[in-house]
Amino acid sequence: MKFTNSPYETMMQQVPRYERPEPVKAPEGSRCHGCPYWRGIGCVACYRELLKGAGGGR
C-alpha cells in the first residue's frame, strides 16, 4: 500500500540486503601468504608458525 506519490516510498519499504566484502588476502610471495589471520598488515609474531608448533610435536 502506498501512502504518497513519492518514487522513494517503494525503495524505503524494501528489506535492506547487506553484502560482506571479499576478504583481502596477503600478497603472494610474502611471509604472510596463506595466513588465516591476515588483516592487511603483517603480525608482530607469525601465528602460522606458532600454530605449527602447537600440534604436539614435543
Protein backbone atom coordinates (compact mmCIF):
# COMPACT_ATOMS: atom_id res chain seq x y z
CA MET A 1 0.00 0.00 0.00
CA LYS A 2 1.33 3.43 -0.90
CA PHE A 3 0.71 6.47 1.23
CA THR A 4 2.36 9.09 -1.00
CA ASN A 5 3.31 9.57 -4.65
CA SER A 6 6.99 9.64 -3.80
CA PRO A 7 9.20 7.42 -6.00
CA TYR A 8 11.32 6.69 -2.90
CA GLU A 9 8.48 5.08 -0.97
CA THR A 10 8.85 1.66 -2.62
CA MET A 11 12.60 1.78 -2.07
CA MET A 12 12.13 2.55 1.63
CA GLN A 13 9.75 -0.41 2.06
CA GLN A 14 12.29 -2.94 0.79
CA VAL A 15 14.27 -5.04 3.24
CA PRO A 16 17.95 -3.96 3.18
CA ARG A 17 20.43 -6.51 1.86
CA TYR A 18 23.86 -6.41 3.40
CA GLU A 19 26.75 -7.87 1.41
CA ARG A 20 30.00 -8.86 3.02
CA PRO A 21 33.10 -7.59 1.26
CA GLU A 22 35.53 -10.12 -0.19
CA PRO A 23 38.33 -10.91 2.28
CA VAL A 24 41.62 -9.38 1.21
CA LYS A 25 44.40 -11.95 1.01
CA ALA A 26 48.08 -11.37 1.69
CA PRO A 27 50.23 -10.78 -1.40
CA GLU A 28 51.86 -13.83 -2.96
CA GLY A 29 55.49 -14.24 -2.04
CA SER A 30 55.16 -12.51 1.32
CA ARG A 31 55.72 -14.40 4.55
CA CYS A 32 52.04 -13.86 5.41
CA HIS A 33 50.73 -15.53 2.24
CA GLY A 34 48.18 -18.17 3.26
CA CYS A 35 47.89 -16.99 6.85
CA PRO A 36 44.26 -17.14 8.07
CA TYR A 37 44.89 -14.19 10.41
CA TRP A 38 45.86 -11.69 7.66
CA ARG A 39 44.12 -8.35 8.26
CA GLY A 40 46.05 -6.05 5.96
CA ILE A 41 49.31 -5.77 7.88
CA GLY A 42 51.94 -8.25 8.99
CA CYS A 43 51.76 -9.63 12.53
CA VAL A 44 54.40 -8.98 15.17
CA ALA A 45 54.65 -12.74 15.76
CA CYS A 46 53.65 -15.11 12.98
CA TYR A 47 50.63 -17.06 14.18
CA ARG A 48 51.11 -19.67 11.46
CA GLU A 49 54.49 -20.63 12.90
CA LEU A 50 53.07 -20.67 16.44
CA LEU A 51 50.20 -22.93 15.35
CA LYS A 52 52.58 -25.34 13.61
CA GLY A 53 54.48 -25.81 16.87
CA ALA A 54 51.30 -26.31 18.90
CA GLY A 55 50.47 -29.57 17.10
CA GLY A 56 52.03 -31.69 19.82
CA GLY A 57 55.50 -32.38 18.44
CA ARG A 58 57.16 -32.24 21.88
